[in-house]
N, C-alpha and C. Protein backbone atom coordinates (compact mmCIF):
# COMPACT_ATOMS: atom_id res chain seq x y z
N MET A 1 0.25 -1.00 0.35
CA MET A 1 -0.03 -0.06 -0.02
C MET A 1 0.99 1.08 -0.27
N ALA A 2 1.65 1.16 0.80
CA ALA A 2 2.68 2.32 0.78
C ALA A 2 3.33 2.75 -0.33
N LEU A 3 3.72 1.39 -1.04
CA LEU A 3 4.80 1.57 -2.44
C LEU A 3 3.78 2.17 -3.83
N SER A 4 2.41 1.98 -3.31
CA SER A 4 1.55 2.87 -4.27
C SER A 4 1.14 3.83 -4.19
N ILE A 5 1.24 4.18 -3.04
CA ILE A 5 0.85 5.57 -2.55
C ILE A 5 1.81 6.77 -2.93
N ALA A 6 2.80 6.14 -2.45
CA ALA A 6 4.30 6.67 -3.25
C ALA A 6 4.44 6.95 -4.59
N GLY A 7 3.98 5.74 -5.31
CA GLY A 7 4.46 5.95 -7.09
C GLY A 7 3.31 6.50 -7.55
N THR A 8 2.56 6.86 -6.51
CA THR A 8 0.99 7.64 -7.37
C THR A 8 1.26 9.37 -7.30
N ALA A 9 1.76 9.39 -5.95
CA ALA A 9 2.13 10.63 -5.40
C ALA A 9 3.58 11.53 -6.44
N VAL A 10 4.32 10.07 -7.00
CA VAL A 10 5.59 11.27 -7.60
C VAL A 10 5.15 11.33 -9.30
N CYS A 11 3.86 9.99 -9.50
CA CYS A 11 3.21 10.55 -10.81
C CYS A 11 2.42 11.74 -11.02
N SER A 12 1.73 11.96 -10.06
CA SER A 12 0.97 13.11 -9.95
C SER A 12 1.96 14.69 -9.82
N VAL A 13 2.96 14.39 -8.52
CA VAL A 13 3.54 15.61 -8.34
C VAL A 13 4.57 16.06 -10.01
N SER A 14 4.97 15.01 -10.79
CA SER A 14 5.12 15.49 -11.80
C SER A 14 5.04 15.57 -12.94
N ALA A 15 3.38 15.17 -12.95
CA ALA A 15 2.50 16.02 -14.08
C ALA A 15 2.34 17.46 -13.61
N ILE A 16 1.97 17.78 -12.05
CA ILE A 16 1.87 18.63 -12.02
C ILE A 16 3.28 19.88 -12.02
N GLY A 17 4.37 19.73 -11.67
CA GLY A 17 5.53 20.03 -12.21
C GLY A 17 5.97 20.38 -13.68
N CYS A 18 5.02 20.00 -14.30
CA CYS A 18 5.28 20.29 -15.60
C CYS A 18 4.73 21.70 -15.82
N VAL A 19 3.59 22.17 -14.70
CA VAL A 19 2.97 23.76 -15.04
C VAL A 19 4.07 24.24 -14.48
N PHE A 20 4.92 24.51 -13.73
CA PHE A 20 6.49 25.14 -13.60
C PHE A 20 7.56 25.07 -14.46
N ALA A 21 7.54 24.05 -15.50
CA ALA A 21 8.63 23.67 -16.25
C ALA A 21 8.71 25.31 -17.40
N GLY A 22 10.36 25.13 -17.34
CA GLY A 22 10.65 26.39 -18.25
C GLY A 22 10.61 26.18 -19.66
N ASP A 23 11.08 24.50 -20.07
CA ASP A 23 11.36 24.49 -21.53
C ASP A 23 11.02 22.55 -21.63
N MET A 24 11.27 22.44 -22.98
CA MET A 24 10.80 20.94 -22.91
C MET A 24 11.71 20.10 -22.26
N THR A 25 13.13 20.57 -21.93
CA THR A 25 14.07 19.51 -21.43
C THR A 25 13.41 19.19 -20.01
N ALA A 26 12.80 20.34 -19.22
CA ALA A 26 12.33 20.11 -17.86
C ALA A 26 10.83 19.13 -18.00
N VAL A 27 10.12 19.55 -19.07
CA VAL A 27 9.04 18.52 -19.42
C VAL A 27 9.51 16.97 -19.66
N PHE A 28 10.43 17.31 -20.24
CA PHE A 28 10.93 15.58 -20.74
C PHE A 28 11.18 14.88 -19.44
N LEU A 29 11.98 15.58 -19.03
CA LEU A 29 12.50 15.07 -17.06
C LEU A 29 11.71 14.76 -16.08
N LEU A 30 10.84 15.78 -16.26
CA LEU A 30 9.77 15.36 -15.25
C LEU A 30 8.72 14.10 -15.58
N LEU A 31 8.00 14.04 -17.24
CA LEU A 31 7.13 13.06 -17.34
C LEU A 31 7.88 12.31 -18.28
N GLY A 32 9.17 11.92 -18.40
CA GLY A 32 9.21 10.74 -18.91
C GLY A 32 10.75 9.88 -18.14
N ILE A 33 11.45 10.85 -16.98
CA ILE A 33 11.86 9.82 -16.07
C ILE A 33 11.48 10.07 -14.65
N CYS A 34 10.55 11.08 -14.02
CA CYS A 34 9.97 11.09 -12.88
C CYS A 34 8.40 10.10 -13.02
N ALA A 35 7.77 10.48 -13.50
CA ALA A 35 6.53 9.74 -13.86
C ALA A 35 6.64 8.21 -14.42
N GLY A 36 7.72 8.34 -15.04
CA GLY A 36 8.34 6.69 -15.40
C GLY A 36 8.27 5.89 -14.42
N ILE A 37 9.71 6.48 -13.18
CA ILE A 37 9.54 5.70 -12.01
C ILE A 37 8.24 5.57 -11.47
N GLY A 38 7.62 6.64 -10.85
CA GLY A 38 6.35 6.34 -10.73
C GLY A 38 5.71 5.33 -11.06
N ASN A 39 5.30 5.20 -12.32
CA ASN A 39 4.58 3.95 -13.28
C ASN A 39 4.97 2.91 -12.67
N GLY A 40 6.23 2.91 -12.75
CA GLY A 40 7.38 1.33 -12.65
C GLY A 40 7.08 1.00 -10.88
N ILE A 41 6.59 1.97 -10.16
CA ILE A 41 6.64 1.57 -8.55
C ILE A 41 5.01 0.70 -8.43
N VAL A 42 4.20 1.97 -9.43
CA VAL A 42 2.61 1.62 -9.15
C VAL A 42 2.05 0.34 -10.09
N MET A 43 2.66 0.08 -10.75
CA MET A 43 2.19 -0.95 -11.65
C MET A 43 2.60 -2.39 -11.46
N PRO A 44 3.73 -2.83 -10.98
CA PRO A 44 4.27 -4.09 -9.78
C PRO A 44 3.21 -3.98 -9.39
N THR A 45 3.20 -2.94 -8.21
CA THR A 45 2.46 -3.49 -6.92
C THR A 45 1.28 -3.68 -6.92
N SER A 46 0.58 -2.97 -8.01
CA SER A 46 -1.03 -3.27 -8.13
C SER A 46 -0.96 -4.28 -8.45
N ASP A 47 -0.15 -5.22 -9.64
CA ASP A 47 -0.29 -6.67 -10.01
C ASP A 47 0.09 -7.46 -8.85
N VAL A 48 0.32 -7.27 -7.77
CA VAL A 48 0.75 -8.21 -6.52
C VAL A 48 -0.35 -8.19 -5.40
N ILE A 49 -0.98 -7.03 -5.69
CA ILE A 49 -2.37 -6.71 -5.05
C ILE A 49 -3.31 -7.28 -5.38
N ILE A 50 -3.53 -7.07 -6.83
CA ILE A 50 -4.86 -7.98 -7.09
C ILE A 50 -4.60 -9.73 -6.87
N GLY A 51 -3.13 -10.02 -7.47
CA GLY A 51 -2.75 -11.55 -7.15
C GLY A 51 -3.18 -11.82 -5.53
N ARG A 52 -2.85 -10.94 -4.69
CA ARG A 52 -3.25 -11.46 -3.07
C ARG A 52 -4.91 -11.19 -2.88
N ASN A 53 -5.53 -10.47 -3.35
CA ASN A 53 -6.78 -10.06 -3.22
C ASN A 53 -8.01 -10.86 -3.81
N PHE A 54 -7.55 -11.64 -5.08
CA PHE A 54 -8.34 -11.98 -6.04
C PHE A 54 -7.68 -13.40 -5.87
N ARG A 55 -7.88 -14.56 -5.07
CA ARG A 55 -7.06 -15.79 -5.13
C ARG A 55 -8.33 -16.58 -6.15
N LEU A 56 -9.56 -16.85 -6.03
CA LEU A 56 -9.57 -17.50 -6.50
C LEU A 56 -10.45 -16.99 -8.14
N TYR A 57 -10.76 -15.46 -8.48
CA TYR A 57 -10.65 -14.94 -9.57
C TYR A 57 -9.54 -14.04 -9.85
N ARG A 58 -8.11 -14.52 -9.67
CA ARG A 58 -7.14 -13.80 -9.95
C ARG A 58 -6.80 -13.89 -11.68
N GLY A 59 -7.45 -14.04 -12.65
CA GLY A 59 -7.53 -14.01 -14.08
C GLY A 59 -8.90 -12.51 -14.46
N SER A 60 -9.68 -12.97 -13.77
CA SER A 60 -10.68 -11.71 -14.23
C SER A 60 -10.08 -10.44 -13.48
N GLY A 61 -9.64 -10.82 -12.27
CA GLY A 61 -9.27 -9.36 -11.63
C GLY A 61 -8.05 -8.65 -12.11
N SER A 62 -7.23 -9.72 -12.90
CA SER A 62 -6.38 -8.92 -13.54
C SER A 62 -6.91 -8.52 -15.75
N GLY A 63 -7.77 -9.17 -15.65
CA GLY A 63 -8.66 -8.79 -16.92
C GLY A 63 -9.07 -7.51 -16.81
N ILE A 64 -9.87 -7.23 -15.78
CA ILE A 64 -10.33 -6.56 -15.52
C ILE A 64 -8.95 -4.85 -15.51
N TYR A 65 -8.08 -5.10 -14.57
CA TYR A 65 -7.41 -4.11 -14.31
C TYR A 65 -6.82 -3.93 -15.75
N TYR A 66 -6.04 -4.70 -16.63
CA TYR A 66 -5.38 -4.35 -17.81
C TYR A 66 -6.78 -3.90 -18.88
N THR A 67 -7.83 -4.10 -18.68
CA THR A 67 -8.72 -3.72 -19.43
C THR A 67 -8.87 -1.86 -19.30
N GLY A 68 -8.84 -1.84 -17.78
CA GLY A 68 -9.03 -0.42 -17.71
C GLY A 68 -7.95 0.31 -17.90
N GLY A 69 -6.56 0.03 -18.09
CA GLY A 69 -5.81 0.94 -18.40
C GLY A 69 -5.76 1.06 -20.17
N THR A 70 -5.84 0.00 -20.62
CA THR A 70 -6.12 0.08 -22.44
C THR A 70 -7.52 1.09 -22.81
N LEU A 71 -8.30 1.00 -21.83
CA LEU A 71 -9.45 1.93 -21.99
C LEU A 71 -8.93 3.15 -22.08
N ALA A 72 -8.43 3.54 -20.95
CA ALA A 72 -7.82 5.25 -20.66
C ALA A 72 -6.93 5.52 -21.48
N SER A 73 -6.30 4.38 -22.41
CA SER A 73 -5.19 5.03 -23.36
C SER A 73 -5.83 5.29 -24.71
N PHE A 74 -7.20 4.99 -24.35
CA PHE A 74 -8.14 5.56 -26.13
C PHE A 74 -8.74 6.37 -25.60
N ALA A 75 -9.06 6.88 -24.40
CA ALA A 75 -9.72 7.77 -24.14
C ALA A 75 -9.21 9.13 -23.65
N PHE A 76 -8.12 9.05 -22.98
CA PHE A 76 -7.45 10.24 -22.54
C PHE A 76 -6.40 11.24 -23.40
N PRO A 77 -6.24 10.41 -24.73
CA PRO A 77 -5.77 11.18 -25.98
C PRO A 77 -7.15 12.59 -26.18
N PRO A 78 -8.19 12.36 -26.85
CA PRO A 78 -9.21 13.28 -26.73
C PRO A 78 -9.27 14.16 -25.99
N ILE A 79 -9.30 13.66 -24.42
CA ILE A 79 -9.47 14.60 -23.46
C ILE A 79 -8.75 15.41 -23.20
N LEU A 80 -7.41 15.18 -23.49
CA LEU A 80 -6.05 15.86 -23.34
C LEU A 80 -5.82 16.76 -24.18
N HIS A 81 -6.46 16.69 -25.55
CA HIS A 81 -6.68 17.60 -26.44
C HIS A 81 -7.54 18.46 -26.43
N LEU A 82 -8.67 18.53 -25.82
CA LEU A 82 -9.69 19.14 -25.34
C LEU A 82 -9.23 20.10 -23.94
N LEU A 83 -8.52 19.60 -23.26
CA LEU A 83 -7.98 20.12 -22.32
C LEU A 83 -6.96 21.21 -22.73
N LEU A 84 -6.10 20.78 -23.46
CA LEU A 84 -4.89 21.87 -24.39
C LEU A 84 -5.46 22.94 -24.84
N LYS A 85 -6.65 22.81 -25.93
CA LYS A 85 -7.30 23.55 -26.71
C LYS A 85 -8.04 24.67 -25.51
N GLU A 86 -8.72 24.06 -24.52
CA GLU A 86 -9.46 24.88 -23.74
C GLU A 86 -8.56 25.53 -22.61
N TYR A 87 -7.61 24.84 -21.68
CA TYR A 87 -6.84 25.13 -20.86
C TYR A 87 -5.41 25.51 -21.05
N GLY A 88 -5.00 25.64 -22.31
CA GLY A 88 -3.51 25.60 -22.61
C GLY A 88 -2.77 24.44 -22.05
N PHE A 89 -1.20 24.76 -21.92
CA PHE A 89 -0.23 23.77 -21.61
C PHE A 89 -0.70 23.25 -20.52
N ARG A 90 -0.39 24.47 -19.19
CA ARG A 90 -0.01 24.79 -18.02
C ARG A 90 -1.16 24.15 -17.66
N GLY A 91 -2.34 24.71 -18.20
CA GLY A 91 -3.94 24.21 -17.12
C GLY A 91 -4.06 22.77 -17.39
N ALA A 92 -3.93 21.97 -18.99
CA ALA A 92 -3.87 20.70 -18.83
C ALA A 92 -3.23 20.05 -17.89
N PHE A 93 -1.94 20.30 -17.78
CA PHE A 93 -1.38 19.68 -17.08
C PHE A 93 -1.48 19.61 -15.53
N LEU A 94 -1.85 20.98 -15.12
CA LEU A 94 -2.64 20.57 -13.68
C LEU A 94 -3.96 20.21 -13.63
N ILE A 95 -4.51 19.80 -14.46
CA ILE A 95 -6.11 19.17 -14.55
C ILE A 95 -5.43 17.48 -14.73
N THR A 96 -4.90 17.47 -15.53
CA THR A 96 -4.00 15.90 -15.36
C THR A 96 -3.29 15.72 -13.77
N GLY A 97 -2.48 16.51 -13.47
CA GLY A 97 -2.12 16.00 -12.33
C GLY A 97 -3.08 15.59 -11.38
N GLY A 98 -3.92 16.77 -11.27
CA GLY A 98 -5.60 16.45 -10.06
C GLY A 98 -6.13 15.08 -10.65
N LEU A 99 -6.03 15.15 -11.64
CA LEU A 99 -6.91 13.70 -11.63
C LEU A 99 -5.89 12.41 -11.32
N MET A 100 -4.56 12.29 -11.53
CA MET A 100 -4.05 11.58 -11.28
C MET A 100 -3.86 11.41 -9.50
N LEU A 101 -3.86 12.40 -8.75
CA LEU A 101 -4.18 12.61 -7.47
C LEU A 101 -5.03 11.96 -7.03
N ASN A 102 -6.27 11.32 -7.62
CA ASN A 102 -7.72 10.45 -7.38
C ASN A 102 -6.90 8.62 -7.07
N GLY A 103 -5.52 8.85 -7.89
CA GLY A 103 -5.43 7.71 -7.60
C GLY A 103 -4.90 7.56 -6.04
N LEU A 104 -4.58 8.39 -5.22
CA LEU A 104 -4.06 8.77 -4.31
C LEU A 104 -5.52 7.90 -2.78
N ALA A 105 -6.19 8.30 -3.64
CA ALA A 105 -7.76 7.87 -2.79
C ALA A 105 -7.75 6.01 -2.71
N ALA A 106 -7.88 6.24 -4.08
CA ALA A 106 -7.57 4.49 -4.46
C ALA A 106 -6.53 3.53 -3.87
N CYS A 107 -5.47 4.09 -3.65
CA CYS A 107 -4.55 3.10 -2.62
C CYS A 107 -4.85 2.98 -1.28
N VAL A 108 -5.39 4.36 -0.96
CA VAL A 108 -6.00 4.04 0.78
C VAL A 108 -6.75 2.88 0.60
N PHE A 109 -7.67 2.11 0.00
CA PHE A 109 -8.90 0.99 0.22
C PHE A 109 -7.96 0.11 0.18
N PHE A 110 -6.53 -0.49 -0.76
CA PHE A 110 -5.47 -1.14 -0.65
C PHE A 110 -5.32 -1.94 0.64
N GLY A 111 -6.18 -3.03 1.02
CA GLY A 111 -5.54 -3.58 2.47
C GLY A 111 -4.85 -4.63 2.40
N THR A 112 -4.65 -4.92 3.49
CA THR A 112 -3.91 -6.35 3.77
C THR A 112 -5.12 -7.65 3.29
N PRO A 113 -4.43 -8.27 2.77
CA PRO A 113 -5.98 -9.44 2.17
C PRO A 113 -6.16 -10.12 3.96
N PRO A 114 -7.04 -11.24 3.72
CA PRO A 114 -7.36 -12.19 4.74
C PRO A 114 -6.46 -13.47 4.44
N VAL A 115 -6.08 -13.71 5.49
CA VAL A 115 -4.51 -14.76 5.67
C VAL A 115 -6.32 -15.84 5.68
N GLY A 116 -4.78 -16.52 4.71
CA GLY A 116 -5.87 -18.53 4.57
C GLY A 116 -4.98 -19.45 4.71
N ASP A 117 -5.55 -20.50 4.52
CA ASP A 117 -4.44 -21.82 4.51
C ASP A 117 -4.06 -22.40 3.10
N LYS A 118 -3.82 -23.46 3.05
CA LYS A 118 -3.58 -23.72 1.43
C LYS A 118 -4.77 -24.08 1.26
N CYS A 119 -6.33 -24.49 1.93
CA CYS A 119 -7.45 -24.76 1.24
C CYS A 119 -7.96 -23.51 0.94
N GLY A 120 -7.39 -22.59 1.26
CA GLY A 120 -8.44 -21.28 1.08
C GLY A 120 -9.14 -20.63 2.45
N ARG A 121 -9.26 -21.32 3.42
CA ARG A 121 -10.51 -21.31 4.22
C ARG A 121 -9.15 -20.16 5.27
N THR A 122 -10.37 -19.14 5.64
CA THR A 122 -10.12 -17.57 6.31
C THR A 122 -9.53 -18.28 7.74
N CYS A 123 -8.09 -17.36 7.78
CA CYS A 123 -7.39 -17.77 9.24
C CYS A 123 -7.81 -16.84 10.20
N LYS A 124 -8.33 -16.86 11.73
CA LYS A 124 -8.41 -15.96 12.56
C LYS A 124 -6.82 -15.66 13.35
N GLY A 125 -6.53 -14.41 13.51
CA GLY A 125 -5.57 -14.25 14.28
C GLY A 125 -4.41 -13.84 13.14
N LEU A 126 -3.11 -14.32 13.94
CA LEU A 126 -2.12 -14.18 13.24
C LEU A 126 -1.69 -15.26 12.03
N PRO A 127 -0.83 -14.51 11.14
CA PRO A 127 -0.92 -15.09 9.77
C PRO A 127 -0.10 -16.88 9.79
N THR A 128 -0.33 -17.17 11.24
CA THR A 128 0.45 -18.70 11.40
C THR A 128 -0.35 -20.24 10.49
N GLY A 129 -1.93 -19.47 10.56
CA GLY A 129 -2.48 -20.73 10.31
C GLY A 129 -2.91 -21.32 11.48
N ASP A 130 -2.82 -20.79 12.60
CA ASP A 130 -3.01 -21.78 13.84
C ASP A 130 -4.80 -22.32 13.79
N GLU A 131 -5.79 -21.18 13.40
CA GLU A 131 -7.26 -21.49 13.87
C GLU A 131 -8.10 -21.22 12.69
N CYS A 132 -8.17 -22.04 11.87
CA CYS A 132 -8.38 -21.86 10.91
C CYS A 132 -10.08 -22.42 10.76
N VAL A 133 -11.10 -21.86 10.22
CA VAL A 133 -12.77 -22.19 10.28
C VAL A 133 -12.78 -22.62 8.90
């Protein structure tokens, strides 16, 4: 959970930082490197969280997760074009960074999954598997 929060924060801060960028080199560094590092943190941790929380329906959970990213890649370019036309370069990146900050709220809901034994039964107490019901 903490890694997802950190990665999402890095991505959103890098997009908001583009508002204050003086030239395209700064935009390249912020979006290319900083946001890339943030995405590199978020993507693997999200895969692990889906794998831990959807034990029985891991394929469905992963499918929905990757479908969301694919649909966003189709929907976001026209939205970004409208934002650039309406608010300009700085306004578009500020709104984009704000949209990315919504991911922080989603990361808060990543909890620890229930601990279970090898048969999939939920265990009470410590993760030793002593008292399975």
